[in-house]
């Protein structure tokens, strides 16, 4: 896994719990924590960090991945505003992942192994999205969707119809975006 994911995870955990929590988490896991954005690191290290972060908050690893996805999306919007500027809402942004965002990720982070997404619109206007990756980080993808909705002033309802964690060959989600109600 590319180091940028570790960097974003560190930033999210430090923002929530402080630098000492990040250092303590790494020490407790026996990890050195030196992750450069362009470096590649074993997937098992991010899984271990997520499990440790989950214990900090009393959440499951899946809930922590979803939280991290929301936080990471907001951090990426600050770092890479051009990816977001061309869109006025979350749906076209999400649809640009395969055609615009992942090709750019591969340019900036050579060797990045990104998931594959498939998209189909239902007559109701909901989006059917497939997610396929040997990393099985569908909860992270769900968090990215939540974060994109939040970024564009919307809410997202994500239904996991089929899941890699339940024996499916890929995840299938129904995604419905709505404008957030004014407070």
C-alpha atoms as a PDB file:
ATOM      1  CA  UNK A   1       0.000   0.000   0.000  1.00  0.00           C
ATOM      2  CA  UNK A   2       1.254   3.467  -0.833  1.00  0.00           C
ATOM      3  CA  UNK A   3       2.594   5.611   1.970  1.00  0.00           C
ATOM      4  CA  UNK A   4       0.126   8.419   1.283  1.00  0.00           C
ATOM      5  CA  UNK A   5      -2.581   6.240   2.889  1.00  0.00           C
ATOM      6  CA  UNK A   6      -0.420   5.862   6.002  1.00  0.00           C
ATOM      7  CA  UNK A   7       0.253   9.612   5.997  1.00  0.00           C
ATOM      8  CA  UNK A   8      -3.467  10.397   5.822  1.00  0.00           C
ATOM      9  CA  UNK A   9      -4.213   7.839   8.537  1.00  0.00           C
ATOM     10  CA  UNK A  10      -1.561   9.394  10.772  1.00  0.00           C
ATOM     11  CA  UNK A  11      -2.967  12.867  10.168  1.00  0.00           C
ATOM     12  CA  UNK A  12      -6.519  11.732  10.976  1.00  0.00           C
ATOM     13  CA  UNK A  13      -5.484   9.924  14.161  1.00  0.00           C
ATOM     14  CA  UNK A  14      -3.278  12.786  15.346  1.00  0.00           C
ATOM     15  CA  UNK A  15      -6.080  15.268  14.687  1.00  0.00           C
ATOM     16  CA  UNK A  16      -8.495  13.142  16.734  1.00  0.00           C
ATOM     17  CA  UNK A  17      -6.227  11.863  19.536  1.00  0.00           C
ATOM     18  CA  UNK A  18      -2.931  13.795  19.397  1.00  0.00           C
ATOM     19  CA  UNK A  19       0.603  12.930  18.341  1.00  0.00           C
ATOM     20  CA  UNK A  20       1.262  10.892  21.483  1.00  0.00           C
ATOM     21  CA  UNK A  21      -1.603   8.547  20.581  1.00  0.00           C
ATOM     22  CA  UNK A  22      -0.115   7.929  17.126  1.00  0.00           C
ATOM     23  CA  UNK A  23       3.345   7.291  18.558  1.00  0.00           C
ATOM     24  CA  UNK A  24       1.919   5.047  21.285  1.00  0.00           C
ATOM     25  CA  UNK A  25      -0.133   3.130  18.744  1.00  0.00           C
ATOM     26  CA  UNK A  26       2.920   2.458  16.580  1.00  0.00           C
ATOM     27  CA  UNK A  27       5.070   1.544  19.584  1.00  0.00           C
ATOM     28  CA  UNK A  28       2.403  -0.868  20.845  1.00  0.00           C
ATOM     29  CA  UNK A  29       2.266  -2.502  17.418  1.00  0.00           C
ATOM     30  CA  UNK A  30       6.040  -2.660  17.043  1.00  0.00           C
ATOM     31  CA  UNK A  31       5.991  -0.502  13.895  1.00  0.00           C
ATOM     32  CA  UNK A  32       8.578   2.186  13.180  1.00  0.00           C
ATOM     33  CA  UNK A  33       6.030   4.498  11.521  1.00  0.00           C
ATOM     34  CA  UNK A  34       8.375   5.958   8.926  1.00  0.00           C
ATOM     35  CA  UNK A  35       6.068   6.168   5.925  1.00  0.00           C
ATOM     36  CA  UNK A  36       6.935   8.329   2.940  1.00  0.00           C
ATOM     37  CA  UNK A  37       4.084   9.222   0.621  1.00  0.00           C
ATOM     38  CA  UNK A  38       5.730   7.601  -2.409  1.00  0.00           C
ATOM     39  CA  UNK A  39       6.904   4.503  -0.545  1.00  0.00           C
ATOM     40  CA  UNK A  40       5.138   1.150  -0.653  1.00  0.00           C
ATOM     41  CA  UNK A  41       4.432  -0.741   2.561  1.00  0.00           C
ATOM     42  CA  UNK A  42       2.817  -4.055   3.473  1.00  0.00           C
ATOM     43  CA  UNK A  43      -0.972  -3.963   3.561  1.00  0.00           C
ATOM     44  CA  UNK A  44      -0.786  -5.804   6.870  1.00  0.00           C
ATOM     45  CA  UNK A  45       0.672  -2.695   8.516  1.00  0.00           C
ATOM     46  CA  UNK A  46      -2.322  -0.521   7.674  1.00  0.00           C
ATOM     47  CA  UNK A  47      -4.668  -3.297   8.843  1.00  0.00           C
ATOM     48  CA  UNK A  48      -2.804  -3.463  12.166  1.00  0.00           C
ATOM     49  CA  UNK A  49      -2.896   0.316  12.586  1.00  0.00           C
ATOM     50  CA  UNK A  50      -6.628   0.386  11.837  1.00  0.00           C
ATOM     51  CA  UNK A  51      -7.232  -2.345  14.419  1.00  0.00           C
ATOM     52  CA  UNK A  52      -5.211  -0.367  16.977  1.00  0.00           C
ATOM     53  CA  UNK A  53      -7.072   2.849  16.147  1.00  0.00           C
ATOM     54  CA  UNK A  54     -10.365   0.988  16.476  1.00  0.00           C
ATOM     55  CA  UNK A  55      -9.394  -0.017  20.015  1.00  0.00           C
ATOM     56  CA  UNK A  56      -8.648   3.654  20.843  1.00  0.00           C
ATOM     57  CA  UNK A  57     -12.234   4.591  20.004  1.00  0.00           C
ATOM     58  CA  UNK A  58     -14.019   1.405  20.981  1.00  0.00           C
ATOM     59  CA  UNK A  59     -15.112   0.845  17.389  1.00  0.00           C
ATOM     60  CA  UNK A  60     -14.854  -2.067  15.028  1.00  0.00           C
ATOM     61  CA  UNK A  61     -12.131  -1.973  12.367  1.00  0.00           C
ATOM     62  CA  UNK A  62     -14.854  -1.511   9.708  1.00  0.00           C
ATOM     63  CA  UNK A  63     -16.276   1.504  11.563  1.00  0.00           C
ATOM     64  CA  UNK A  64     -12.765   2.906  11.903  1.00  0.00           C
ATOM     65  CA  UNK A  65     -12.094   2.444   8.186  1.00  0.00           C
ATOM     66  CA  UNK A  66     -15.323   4.259   7.393  1.00  0.00           C
ATOM     67  CA  UNK A  67     -14.383   7.096   9.776  1.00  0.00           C
ATOM     68  CA  UNK A  68     -10.920   7.235   8.228  1.00  0.00           C
ATOM     69  CA  UNK A  69     -12.388   7.414   4.715  1.00  0.00           C
ATOM     70  CA  UNK A  70     -14.472  10.474   5.676  1.00  0.00           C
ATOM     71  CA  UNK A  71     -11.473  12.150   7.287  1.00  0.00           C
ATOM     72  CA  UNK A  72      -9.102  11.262   4.438  1.00  0.00           C
ATOM     73  CA  UNK A  73     -11.477  12.627   1.808  1.00  0.00           C
ATOM     74  CA  UNK A  74     -11.549  15.984   3.587  1.00  0.00           C
ATOM     75  CA  UNK A  75      -7.742  15.987   3.841  1.00  0.00           C
ATOM     76  CA  UNK A  76      -7.414  15.135   0.145  1.00  0.00           C
ATOM     77  CA  UNK A  77      -9.814  17.929  -0.801  1.00  0.00           C
ATOM     78  CA  UNK A  78      -7.434  20.345   0.892  1.00  0.00           C
ATOM     79  CA  UNK A  79      -4.340  18.855  -0.752  1.00  0.00           C
ATOM     80  CA  UNK A  80      -5.750  18.234  -4.233  1.00  0.00           C
ATOM     81  CA  UNK A  81      -8.494  20.823  -4.828  1.00  0.00           C
ATOM     82  CA  UNK A  82      -8.325  20.413  -8.619  1.00  0.00           C
ATOM     83  CA  UNK A  83      -9.894  16.930  -8.336  1.00  0.00           C
ATOM     84  CA  UNK A  84     -12.908  18.493  -6.638  1.00  0.00           C
ATOM     85  CA  UNK A  85     -13.208  21.860  -8.401  1.00  0.00           C
ATOM     86  CA  UNK A  86     -14.642  20.409 -11.609  1.00  0.00           C
ATOM     87  CA  UNK A  87     -17.670  19.010  -9.758  1.00  0.00           C
ATOM     88  CA  UNK A  88     -20.674  20.632  -8.126  1.00  0.00           C
ATOM     89  CA  UNK A  89     -21.940  17.532  -6.357  1.00  0.00           C
ATOM     90  CA  UNK A  90     -20.811  14.135  -5.153  1.00  0.00           C
ATOM     91  CA  UNK A  91     -22.211  11.929  -7.920  1.00  0.00           C
ATOM     92  CA  UNK A  92     -20.064  13.195 -10.818  1.00  0.00           C
ATOM     93  CA  UNK A  93     -17.083  13.314  -8.473  1.00  0.00           C
ATOM     94  CA  UNK A  94     -17.598   9.646  -7.600  1.00  0.00           C
ATOM     95  CA  UNK A  95     -18.063   8.759 -11.261  1.00  0.00           C
ATOM     96  CA  UNK A  96     -14.689  10.379 -12.042  1.00  0.00           C
ATOM     97  CA  UNK A  97     -12.736   7.949  -9.860  1.00  0.00           C
ATOM     98  CA  UNK A  98     -11.882   5.444 -12.613  1.00  0.00           C
ATOM     99  CA  UNK A  99     -11.438   7.909 -15.464  1.00  0.00           C
ATOM    100  CA  UNK A 100      -9.776  10.896 -13.782  1.00  0.00           C
ATOM    101  CA  UNK A 101      -8.657  10.302 -10.210  1.00  0.00           C
ATOM    102  CA  UNK A 102      -7.112   6.817 -10.323  1.00  0.00           C
ATOM    103  CA  UNK A 103      -5.073   7.522 -13.483  1.00  0.00           C
ATOM    104  CA  UNK A 104      -3.676  10.626 -11.766  1.00  0.00           C
ATOM    105  CA  UNK A 105      -2.995   8.624  -8.596  1.00  0.00           C
ATOM    106  CA  UNK A 106      -0.962   6.171 -10.687  1.00  0.00           C
ATOM    107  CA  UNK A 107       1.046   9.068 -12.174  1.00  0.00           C
ATOM    108  CA  UNK A 108       1.806  10.663  -8.821  1.00  0.00           C
ATOM    109  CA  UNK A 109       2.268   7.361  -6.965  1.00  0.00           C
ATOM    110  CA  UNK A 110       3.856   4.892  -9.398  1.00  0.00           C
ATOM    111  CA  UNK A 111       2.937   1.324  -8.620  1.00  0.00           C
ATOM    112  CA  UNK A 112      -0.267   2.268  -6.790  1.00  0.00           C
ATOM    113  CA  UNK A 113      -2.679  -0.653  -6.791  1.00  0.00           C
ATOM    114  CA  UNK A 114      -6.093   0.994  -6.775  1.00  0.00           C
ATOM    115  CA  UNK A 115      -9.465  -0.740  -6.502  1.00  0.00           C
ATOM    116  CA  UNK A 116     -11.767  -1.197  -9.468  1.00  0.00           C
ATOM    117  CA  UNK A 117     -15.181   0.437  -9.427  1.00  0.00           C
ATOM    118  CA  UNK A 118     -18.133  -0.154 -11.707  1.00  0.00           C
ATOM    119  CA  UNK A 119     -21.111   2.173 -11.966  1.00  0.00           C
ATOM    120  CA  UNK A 120     -24.672   1.808 -13.220  1.00  0.00           C
ATOM    121  CA  UNK A 121     -27.586   4.149 -12.592  1.00  0.00           C
ATOM    122  CA  UNK A 122     -30.914   2.664 -11.526  1.00  0.00           C
ATOM    123  CA  UNK A 123     -34.217   4.076 -12.850  1.00  0.00           C
ATOM    124  CA  UNK A 124     -34.774   5.569  -9.365  1.00  0.00           C
ATOM    125  CA  UNK A 125     -31.637   7.654  -9.820  1.00  0.00           C
ATOM    126  CA  UNK A 126     -29.661   5.629  -7.278  1.00  0.00           C
ATOM    127  CA  UNK A 127     -26.203   4.512  -8.280  1.00  0.00           C
ATOM    128  CA  UNK A 128     -25.245   0.843  -8.244  1.00  0.00           C
ATOM    129  CA  UNK A 129     -21.534   0.689  -7.546  1.00  0.00           C
ATOM    130  CA  UNK A 130     -19.289  -2.354  -7.581  1.00  0.00           C
ATOM    131  CA  UNK A 131     -16.052  -2.367  -5.630  1.00  0.00           C
ATOM    132  CA  UNK A 132     -13.380  -4.961  -6.286  1.00  0.00           C
ATOM    133  CA  UNK A 133     -10.025  -5.150  -4.572  1.00  0.00           C
ATOM    134  CA  UNK A 134      -8.042  -7.948  -2.979  1.00  0.00           C
ATOM    135  CA  UNK A 135      -7.545  -5.567  -0.021  1.00  0.00           C
ATOM    136  CA  UNK A 136     -11.259  -5.809   0.780  1.00  0.00           C
ATOM    137  CA  UNK A 137     -11.418  -2.234   2.093  1.00  0.00           C
ATOM    138  CA  UNK A 138     -15.027  -1.602   1.129  1.00  0.00           C
ATOM    139  CA  UNK A 139     -15.605   0.177   4.462  1.00  0.00           C
ATOM    140  CA  UNK A 140     -12.914   2.669   3.450  1.00  0.00           C
ATOM    141  CA  UNK A 141     -14.659   3.207   0.106  1.00  0.00           C
ATOM    142  CA  UNK A 142     -17.913   3.753   2.009  1.00  0.00           C
ATOM    143  CA  UNK A 143     -16.162   6.386   4.128  1.00  0.00           C
ATOM    144  CA  UNK A 144     -14.829   8.103   0.998  1.00  0.00           C
ATOM    145  CA  UNK A 145     -18.404   8.255  -0.342  1.00  0.00           C
ATOM    146  CA  UNK A 146     -19.623   9.738   2.945  1.00  0.00           C
ATOM    147  CA  UNK A 147     -16.765  12.248   2.844  1.00  0.00           C
ATOM    148  CA  UNK A 148     -17.514  13.231  -0.746  1.00  0.00           C
ATOM    149  CA  UNK A 149     -21.166  13.780   0.111  1.00  0.00           C
ATOM    150  CA  UNK A 150     -20.171  15.940   3.080  1.00  0.00           C
ATOM    151  CA  UNK A 151     -17.708  17.904   0.935  1.00  0.00           C
ATOM    152  CA  UNK A 152     -20.451  18.761  -1.551  1.00  0.00           C
ATOM    153  CA  UNK A 153     -23.081  19.562   1.102  1.00  0.00           C
ATOM    154  CA  UNK A 154     -24.944  16.299   0.677  1.00  0.00           C
ATOM    155  CA  UNK A 155     -25.690  13.115   2.553  1.00  0.00           C
ATOM    156  CA  UNK A 156     -25.139   9.638   1.189  1.00  0.00           C
ATOM    157  CA  UNK A 157     -27.118   6.516   1.859  1.00  0.00           C
ATOM    158  CA  UNK A 158     -24.970   3.478   1.082  1.00  0.00           C
ATOM    159  CA  UNK A 159     -26.586   0.031   1.123  1.00  0.00           C
ATOM    160  CA  UNK A 160     -24.183  -2.927   0.937  1.00  0.00           C
ATOM    161  CA  UNK A 161     -26.187  -5.368  -1.161  1.00  0.00           C
ATOM    162  CA  UNK A 162     -23.315  -7.827  -1.644  1.00  0.00           C
ATOM    163  CA  UNK A 163     -19.947  -7.839   0.078  1.00  0.00           C
ATOM    164  CA  UNK A 164     -16.541  -9.448  -0.232  1.00  0.00           C
ATOM    165  CA  UNK A 165     -16.696 -10.006   3.533  1.00  0.00           C
ATOM    166  CA  UNK A 166     -19.870 -12.067   3.083  1.00  0.00           C
ATOM    167  CA  UNK A 167     -18.454 -14.289   0.341  1.00  0.00           C
ATOM    168  CA  UNK A 168     -19.333 -12.233  -2.749  1.00  0.00           C
ATOM    169  CA  UNK A 169     -16.814 -11.948  -5.583  1.00  0.00           C
ATOM    170  CA  UNK A 170     -17.074  -8.135  -5.350  1.00  0.00           C
ATOM    171  CA  UNK A 171     -19.015  -5.621  -3.307  1.00  0.00           C
ATOM    172  CA  UNK A 172     -22.226  -4.190  -4.708  1.00  0.00           C
ATOM    173  CA  UNK A 173     -23.613  -1.033  -3.146  1.00  0.00           C
ATOM    174  CA  UNK A 174     -26.623   1.134  -3.844  1.00  0.00           C
ATOM    175  CA  UNK A 175     -25.666   4.781  -3.310  1.00  0.00           C
ATOM    176  CA  UNK A 176     -28.194   7.585  -3.044  1.00  0.00           C
ATOM    177  CA  UNK A 177     -27.084  11.188  -2.619  1.00  0.00           C
ATOM    178  CA  UNK A 178     -29.323  13.921  -1.199  1.00  0.00           C
ATOM    179  CA  UNK A 179     -28.732  17.591  -0.565  1.00  0.00           C
ATOM    180  CA  UNK A 180     -28.095  18.125   3.130  1.00  0.00           C
ATOM    181  CA  UNK A 181     -30.968  19.887   4.837  1.00  0.00           C
ATOM    182  CA  UNK A 182     -30.346  23.446   5.962  1.00  0.00           C
ATOM    183  CA  UNK A 183     -29.790  23.795   9.667  1.00  0.00           C
END
